[in-house]
Amino acid sequence: MSDDIIKPGKYVALTYGIEDEAGQVIEQHDIPLGFVYGSDTELIGDMDKAVAGKRAGDEVVVHVPPEKGFGEHDPSLTFTDEIDNVPPQFRELGAEVQMQNEEGEMKTFFVTRIEDGYLTVDGNHPLAGKDLTVRVKITEVRDAKPGEEQVSGIHAVEMPGHPTLN
């Protein structure tokens, strides 16, 4: 293991899991996410700040309130309608629905409930309004290579899962 500590200009790779309030793992990333510390990469709940001064092999637990995670749940982004008013392709839980507002902005909504002839769509992130715990394991710390801050973290190719975590 390297004796390098996390500070500006260091390349950091980490894995993490996100737990809900009951301690259930709701998302797990075992493929390391790499970024250059001090670049424009921001991670959920200031996870990037929580690893400052740590080394490869260290583990950090970060408690993330809604305002530092996925925001508060916004009830104005939840709509319920009679299922007969909804096109058949959207009549299943988890279906993705693209909606456009008066300004022409698009937003993704998901079907979250079908009950008693009604269907509910929600534009909130599934983790909005939830207190979360993020368990981080630092897998690598080294000097960043020139230009690496442009191809790491938020600049990297999208990984499977929720891209809002990076």
C-alpha atoms as a PDB file:
ATOM      1  CA  MET A   1       0.000   0.000   0.000  1.00  0.00           C
ATOM      2  CA  SER A   2       1.068   3.484  -0.758  1.00  0.00           C
ATOM      3  CA  ASP A   3       1.744   6.001   1.962  1.00  0.00           C
ATOM      4  CA  ASP A   4       0.142   8.697  -0.180  1.00  0.00           C
ATOM      5  CA  ILE A   5      -2.583  10.655   1.583  1.00  0.00           C
ATOM      6  CA  ILE A   6      -5.557  12.220  -0.156  1.00  0.00           C
ATOM      7  CA  LYS A   7      -4.945  15.894  -0.858  1.00  0.00           C
ATOM      8  CA  PRO A   8      -5.342  18.193  -3.882  1.00  0.00           C
ATOM      9  CA  GLY A   9      -3.697  16.783  -6.993  1.00  0.00           C
ATOM     10  CA  LYS A  10      -3.916  13.152  -5.909  1.00  0.00           C
ATOM     11  CA  TYR A  11      -5.761  10.568  -7.982  1.00  0.00           C
ATOM     12  CA  VAL A  12      -8.212   8.717  -5.730  1.00  0.00           C
ATOM     13  CA  ALA A  13     -10.098   5.518  -6.489  1.00  0.00           C
ATOM     14  CA  LEU A  14     -12.860   4.327  -4.189  1.00  0.00           C
ATOM     15  CA  THR A  15     -15.748   1.921  -3.960  1.00  0.00           C
ATOM     16  CA  TYR A  16     -18.898   2.614  -1.981  1.00  0.00           C
ATOM     17  CA  GLY A  17     -22.291   1.376  -0.896  1.00  0.00           C
ATOM     18  CA  ILE A  18     -25.350   3.434  -0.037  1.00  0.00           C
ATOM     19  CA  GLU A  19     -27.660   2.337   2.775  1.00  0.00           C
ATOM     20  CA  ASP A  20     -31.119   3.600   3.675  1.00  0.00           C
ATOM     21  CA  GLU A  21     -32.302   4.508   7.179  1.00  0.00           C
ATOM     22  CA  ALA A  22     -32.961   0.842   7.970  1.00  0.00           C
ATOM     23  CA  GLY A  23     -29.401  -0.138   7.033  1.00  0.00           C
ATOM     24  CA  GLN A  24     -30.444  -1.892   3.815  1.00  0.00           C
ATOM     25  CA  VAL A  25     -27.932  -1.603   0.977  1.00  0.00           C
ATOM     26  CA  ILE A  26     -29.774   0.151  -1.836  1.00  0.00           C
ATOM     27  CA  GLU A  27     -26.847   0.730  -4.155  1.00  0.00           C
ATOM     28  CA  GLN A  28     -23.400  -0.829  -4.314  1.00  0.00           C
ATOM     29  CA  HIS A  29     -20.469   0.227  -6.514  1.00  0.00           C
ATOM     30  CA  ASP A  30     -17.676  -2.359  -6.418  1.00  0.00           C
ATOM     31  CA  ILE A  31     -15.937  -1.057  -9.536  1.00  0.00           C
ATOM     32  CA  PRO A  32     -13.732   1.773  -8.287  1.00  0.00           C
ATOM     33  CA  LEU A  33     -14.716   5.327  -9.145  1.00  0.00           C
ATOM     34  CA  GLY A  34     -11.632   7.420  -9.811  1.00  0.00           C
ATOM     35  CA  PHE A  35     -11.212  11.177  -9.614  1.00  0.00           C
ATOM     36  CA  VAL A  36      -8.528  13.759  -9.019  1.00  0.00           C
ATOM     37  CA  TYR A  37      -8.963  15.249  -5.572  1.00  0.00           C
ATOM     38  CA  GLY A  38      -9.448  19.008  -5.777  1.00  0.00           C
ATOM     39  CA  SER A  39     -10.802  18.913  -9.344  1.00  0.00           C
ATOM     40  CA  ASP A  40     -14.422  19.758 -10.144  1.00  0.00           C
ATOM     41  CA  THR A  41     -15.678  16.329  -9.106  1.00  0.00           C
ATOM     42  CA  GLU A  42     -18.331  16.428  -6.395  1.00  0.00           C
ATOM     43  CA  LEU A  43     -19.612  13.248  -4.803  1.00  0.00           C
ATOM     44  CA  ILE A  44     -22.823  12.625  -2.870  1.00  0.00           C
ATOM     45  CA  GLY A  45     -22.965  14.078   0.614  1.00  0.00           C
ATOM     46  CA  ASP A  46     -19.523  15.672   0.426  1.00  0.00           C
ATOM     47  CA  MET A  47     -18.051  12.166   0.288  1.00  0.00           C
ATOM     48  CA  ASP A  48     -15.063  13.685  -1.517  1.00  0.00           C
ATOM     49  CA  LYS A  49     -14.386  15.985   1.459  1.00  0.00           C
ATOM     50  CA  ALA A  50     -14.782  13.122   3.954  1.00  0.00           C
ATOM     51  CA  VAL A  51     -11.871  11.194   2.441  1.00  0.00           C
ATOM     52  CA  ALA A  52      -9.372  14.084   2.742  1.00  0.00           C
ATOM     53  CA  GLY A  53      -6.260  12.990   4.627  1.00  0.00           C
ATOM     54  CA  LYS A  54      -7.073   9.276   4.250  1.00  0.00           C
ATOM     55  CA  ARG A  55      -4.972   6.560   2.570  1.00  0.00           C
ATOM     56  CA  ALA A  56      -5.599   3.552   0.355  1.00  0.00           C
ATOM     57  CA  GLY A  57      -7.224   0.836   2.462  1.00  0.00           C
ATOM     58  CA  ASP A  58      -8.995   3.303   4.758  1.00  0.00           C
ATOM     59  CA  GLU A  59     -12.767   3.150   5.138  1.00  0.00           C
ATOM     60  CA  VAL A  60     -15.022   6.114   5.830  1.00  0.00           C
ATOM     61  CA  VAL A  61     -18.693   6.259   6.824  1.00  0.00           C
ATOM     62  CA  VAL A  62     -20.564   9.356   5.650  1.00  0.00           C
ATOM     63  CA  HIS A  63     -24.043  10.235   6.928  1.00  0.00           C
ATOM     64  CA  VAL A  64     -25.955  12.057   4.205  1.00  0.00           C
ATOM     65  CA  PRO A  65     -29.104  14.068   5.019  1.00  0.00           C
ATOM     66  CA  PRO A  66     -31.511  14.775   2.129  1.00  0.00           C
ATOM     67  CA  GLU A  67     -30.192  18.295   1.529  1.00  0.00           C
ATOM     68  CA  LYS A  68     -26.678  16.924   0.903  1.00  0.00           C
ATOM     69  CA  GLY A  69     -27.918  13.924  -1.051  1.00  0.00           C
ATOM     70  CA  PHE A  70     -30.827  13.848  -3.456  1.00  0.00           C
ATOM     71  CA  GLY A  71     -32.826  16.734  -2.013  1.00  0.00           C
ATOM     72  CA  GLU A  72     -36.120  16.837  -0.187  1.00  0.00           C
ATOM     73  CA  HIS A  73     -39.095  15.038  -1.700  1.00  0.00           C
ATOM     74  CA  ASP A  74     -41.102  17.560  -3.755  1.00  0.00           C
ATOM     75  CA  PRO A  75     -44.822  16.631  -3.734  1.00  0.00           C
ATOM     76  CA  SER A  76     -45.429  18.890  -6.753  1.00  0.00           C
ATOM     77  CA  LEU A  77     -43.510  16.320  -8.840  1.00  0.00           C
ATOM     78  CA  THR A  78     -45.995  13.523  -8.082  1.00  0.00           C
ATOM     79  CA  PHE A  79     -49.101  13.066 -10.222  1.00  0.00           C
ATOM     80  CA  THR A  80     -51.946  10.548 -10.061  1.00  0.00           C
ATOM     81  CA  ASP A  81     -54.463   9.916 -12.828  1.00  0.00           C
ATOM     82  CA  GLU A  82     -56.963   7.281 -13.821  1.00  0.00           C
ATOM     83  CA  ILE A  83     -55.123   4.423 -15.487  1.00  0.00           C
ATOM     84  CA  ASP A  84     -57.446   4.640 -18.523  1.00  0.00           C
ATOM     85  CA  ASN A  85     -55.978   8.111 -19.242  1.00  0.00           C
ATOM     86  CA  VAL A  86     -52.448   6.683 -19.427  1.00  0.00           C
ATOM     87  CA  PRO A  87     -51.069   5.081 -22.614  1.00  0.00           C
ATOM     88  CA  PRO A  88     -50.722   1.273 -22.262  1.00  0.00           C
ATOM     89  CA  GLN A  89     -46.914   1.298 -22.561  1.00  0.00           C
ATOM     90  CA  PHE A  90     -46.688   3.210 -19.261  1.00  0.00           C
ATOM     91  CA  ARG A  91     -49.021   0.952 -17.251  1.00  0.00           C
ATOM     92  CA  GLU A  92     -46.340  -0.912 -15.325  1.00  0.00           C
ATOM     93  CA  LEU A  93     -44.356  -0.133 -12.189  1.00  0.00           C
ATOM     94  CA  GLY A  94     -41.013   1.435 -12.957  1.00  0.00           C
ATOM     95  CA  ALA A  95     -42.002   2.586 -16.444  1.00  0.00           C
ATOM     96  CA  GLU A  96     -40.139   5.731 -17.498  1.00  0.00           C
ATOM     97  CA  VAL A  97     -42.235   8.652 -18.691  1.00  0.00           C
ATOM     98  CA  GLN A  98     -40.736  11.778 -20.289  1.00  0.00           C
ATOM     99  CA  MET A  99     -42.736  14.941 -19.583  1.00  0.00           C
ATOM    100  CA  GLN A 100     -42.272  18.476 -20.865  1.00  0.00           C
ATOM    101  CA  ASN A 101     -43.210  21.667 -19.038  1.00  0.00           C
ATOM    102  CA  GLU A 102     -44.458  24.954 -20.532  1.00  0.00           C
ATOM    103  CA  GLU A 103     -40.856  26.152 -21.033  1.00  0.00           C
ATOM    104  CA  GLY A 104     -40.036  23.052 -23.085  1.00  0.00           C
ATOM    105  CA  GLU A 105     -37.824  21.470 -20.412  1.00  0.00           C
ATOM    106  CA  MET A 106     -37.907  17.669 -20.289  1.00  0.00           C
ATOM    107  CA  LYS A 107     -37.995  15.680 -17.041  1.00  0.00           C
ATOM    108  CA  THR A 108     -38.099  11.963 -16.406  1.00  0.00           C
ATOM    109  CA  PHE A 109     -40.864  10.566 -14.221  1.00  0.00           C
ATOM    110  CA  PHE A 110     -41.321   6.964 -13.088  1.00  0.00           C
ATOM    111  CA  VAL A 111     -44.482   4.990 -12.458  1.00  0.00           C
ATOM    112  CA  THR A 112     -44.370   4.346  -8.704  1.00  0.00           C
ATOM    113  CA  ARG A 113     -47.858   3.043  -7.924  1.00  0.00           C
ATOM    114  CA  ILE A 114     -50.781   1.387  -9.674  1.00  0.00           C
ATOM    115  CA  GLU A 115     -53.743   0.870  -7.402  1.00  0.00           C
ATOM    116  CA  ASP A 116     -57.544   0.855  -7.573  1.00  0.00           C
ATOM    117  CA  GLY A 117     -57.638   2.033 -11.188  1.00  0.00           C
ATOM    118  CA  TYR A 118     -55.163   4.877 -10.645  1.00  0.00           C
ATOM    119  CA  LEU A 119     -51.555   5.291 -11.712  1.00  0.00           C
ATOM    120  CA  THR A 120     -48.988   7.530  -9.987  1.00  0.00           C
ATOM    121  CA  VAL A 121     -45.847   8.971 -11.569  1.00  0.00           C
ATOM    122  CA  ASP A 122     -43.082  10.659  -9.583  1.00  0.00           C
ATOM    123  CA  GLY A 123     -40.371  13.013 -10.869  1.00  0.00           C
ATOM    124  CA  ASN A 124     -38.381  12.947  -7.640  1.00  0.00           C
ATOM    125  CA  HIS A 125     -35.173  10.940  -7.461  1.00  0.00           C
ATOM    126  CA  PRO A 126     -36.015   7.612  -5.738  1.00  0.00           C
ATOM    127  CA  LEU A 127     -33.731   8.592  -2.835  1.00  0.00           C
ATOM    128  CA  ALA A 128     -35.117  12.132  -2.400  1.00  0.00           C
ATOM    129  CA  GLY A 129     -36.111  12.919   1.173  1.00  0.00           C
ATOM    130  CA  LYS A 130     -34.112  10.024   2.637  1.00  0.00           C
ATOM    131  CA  ASP A 131     -31.317  10.036   5.172  1.00  0.00           C
ATOM    132  CA  LEU A 132     -28.559   7.847   3.779  1.00  0.00           C
ATOM    133  CA  THR A 133     -25.313   6.290   4.933  1.00  0.00           C
ATOM    134  CA  VAL A 134     -22.473   5.907   2.460  1.00  0.00           C
ATOM    135  CA  ARG A 135     -19.718   3.402   3.276  1.00  0.00           C
ATOM    136  CA  VAL A 136     -16.581   4.254   1.338  1.00  0.00           C
ATOM    137  CA  LYS A 137     -13.457   2.137   0.854  1.00  0.00           C
ATOM    138  CA  ILE A 138     -10.430   3.875  -0.619  1.00  0.00           C
ATOM    139  CA  THR A 139      -8.714   1.520  -3.047  1.00  0.00           C
ATOM    140  CA  GLU A 140      -5.967   3.719  -4.510  1.00  0.00           C
ATOM    141  CA  VAL A 141      -4.195   7.015  -3.850  1.00  0.00           C
ATOM    142  CA  ARG A 142      -1.376   8.234  -6.090  1.00  0.00           C
ATOM    143  CA  ASP A 143      -0.075  11.303  -7.855  1.00  0.00           C
ATOM    144  CA  ALA A 144      -2.422  12.317 -10.657  1.00  0.00           C
ATOM    145  CA  LYS A 145      -1.075  12.094 -14.182  1.00  0.00           C
ATOM    146  CA  PRO A 146      -1.173  15.256 -16.330  1.00  0.00           C
ATOM    147  CA  GLY A 147      -4.677  15.774 -17.760  1.00  0.00           C
ATOM    148  CA  GLU A 148      -6.185  12.974 -15.673  1.00  0.00           C
ATOM    149  CA  GLU A 149      -8.637  15.398 -14.036  1.00  0.00           C
ATOM    150  CA  GLN A 150     -10.261  15.735 -17.466  1.00  0.00           C
ATOM    151  CA  VAL A 151     -10.964  12.002 -17.847  1.00  0.00           C
ATOM    152  CA  SER A 152     -11.878  11.008 -14.300  1.00  0.00           C
ATOM    153  CA  GLY A 153     -14.864  11.425 -12.027  1.00  0.00           C
ATOM    154  CA  ILE A 154     -17.640  13.435 -13.665  1.00  0.00           C
ATOM    155  CA  HIS A 155     -15.673  13.468 -16.916  1.00  0.00           C
ATOM    156  CA  ALA A 156     -15.457   9.670 -17.110  1.00  0.00           C
ATOM    157  CA  VAL A 157     -17.642   7.360 -19.152  1.00  0.00           C
ATOM    158  CA  GLU A 158     -20.973   6.799 -17.406  1.00  0.00           C
ATOM    159  CA  MET A 159     -21.112   3.715 -15.210  1.00  0.00           C
ATOM    160  CA  PRO A 160     -24.206   1.563 -14.698  1.00  0.00           C
ATOM    161  CA  GLY A 161     -26.458   2.725 -11.881  1.00  0.00           C
ATOM    162  CA  HIS A 162     -27.499   6.215 -10.890  1.00  0.00           C
ATOM    163  CA  PRO A 163     -25.259   8.734 -12.626  1.00  0.00           C
ATOM    164  CA  THR A 164     -26.324  11.367 -10.100  1.00  0.00           C
ATOM    165  CA  LEU A 165     -24.015   9.741  -7.584  1.00  0.00           C
ATOM    166  CA  ASN A 166     -20.997  11.043  -9.359  1.00  0.00           C
END
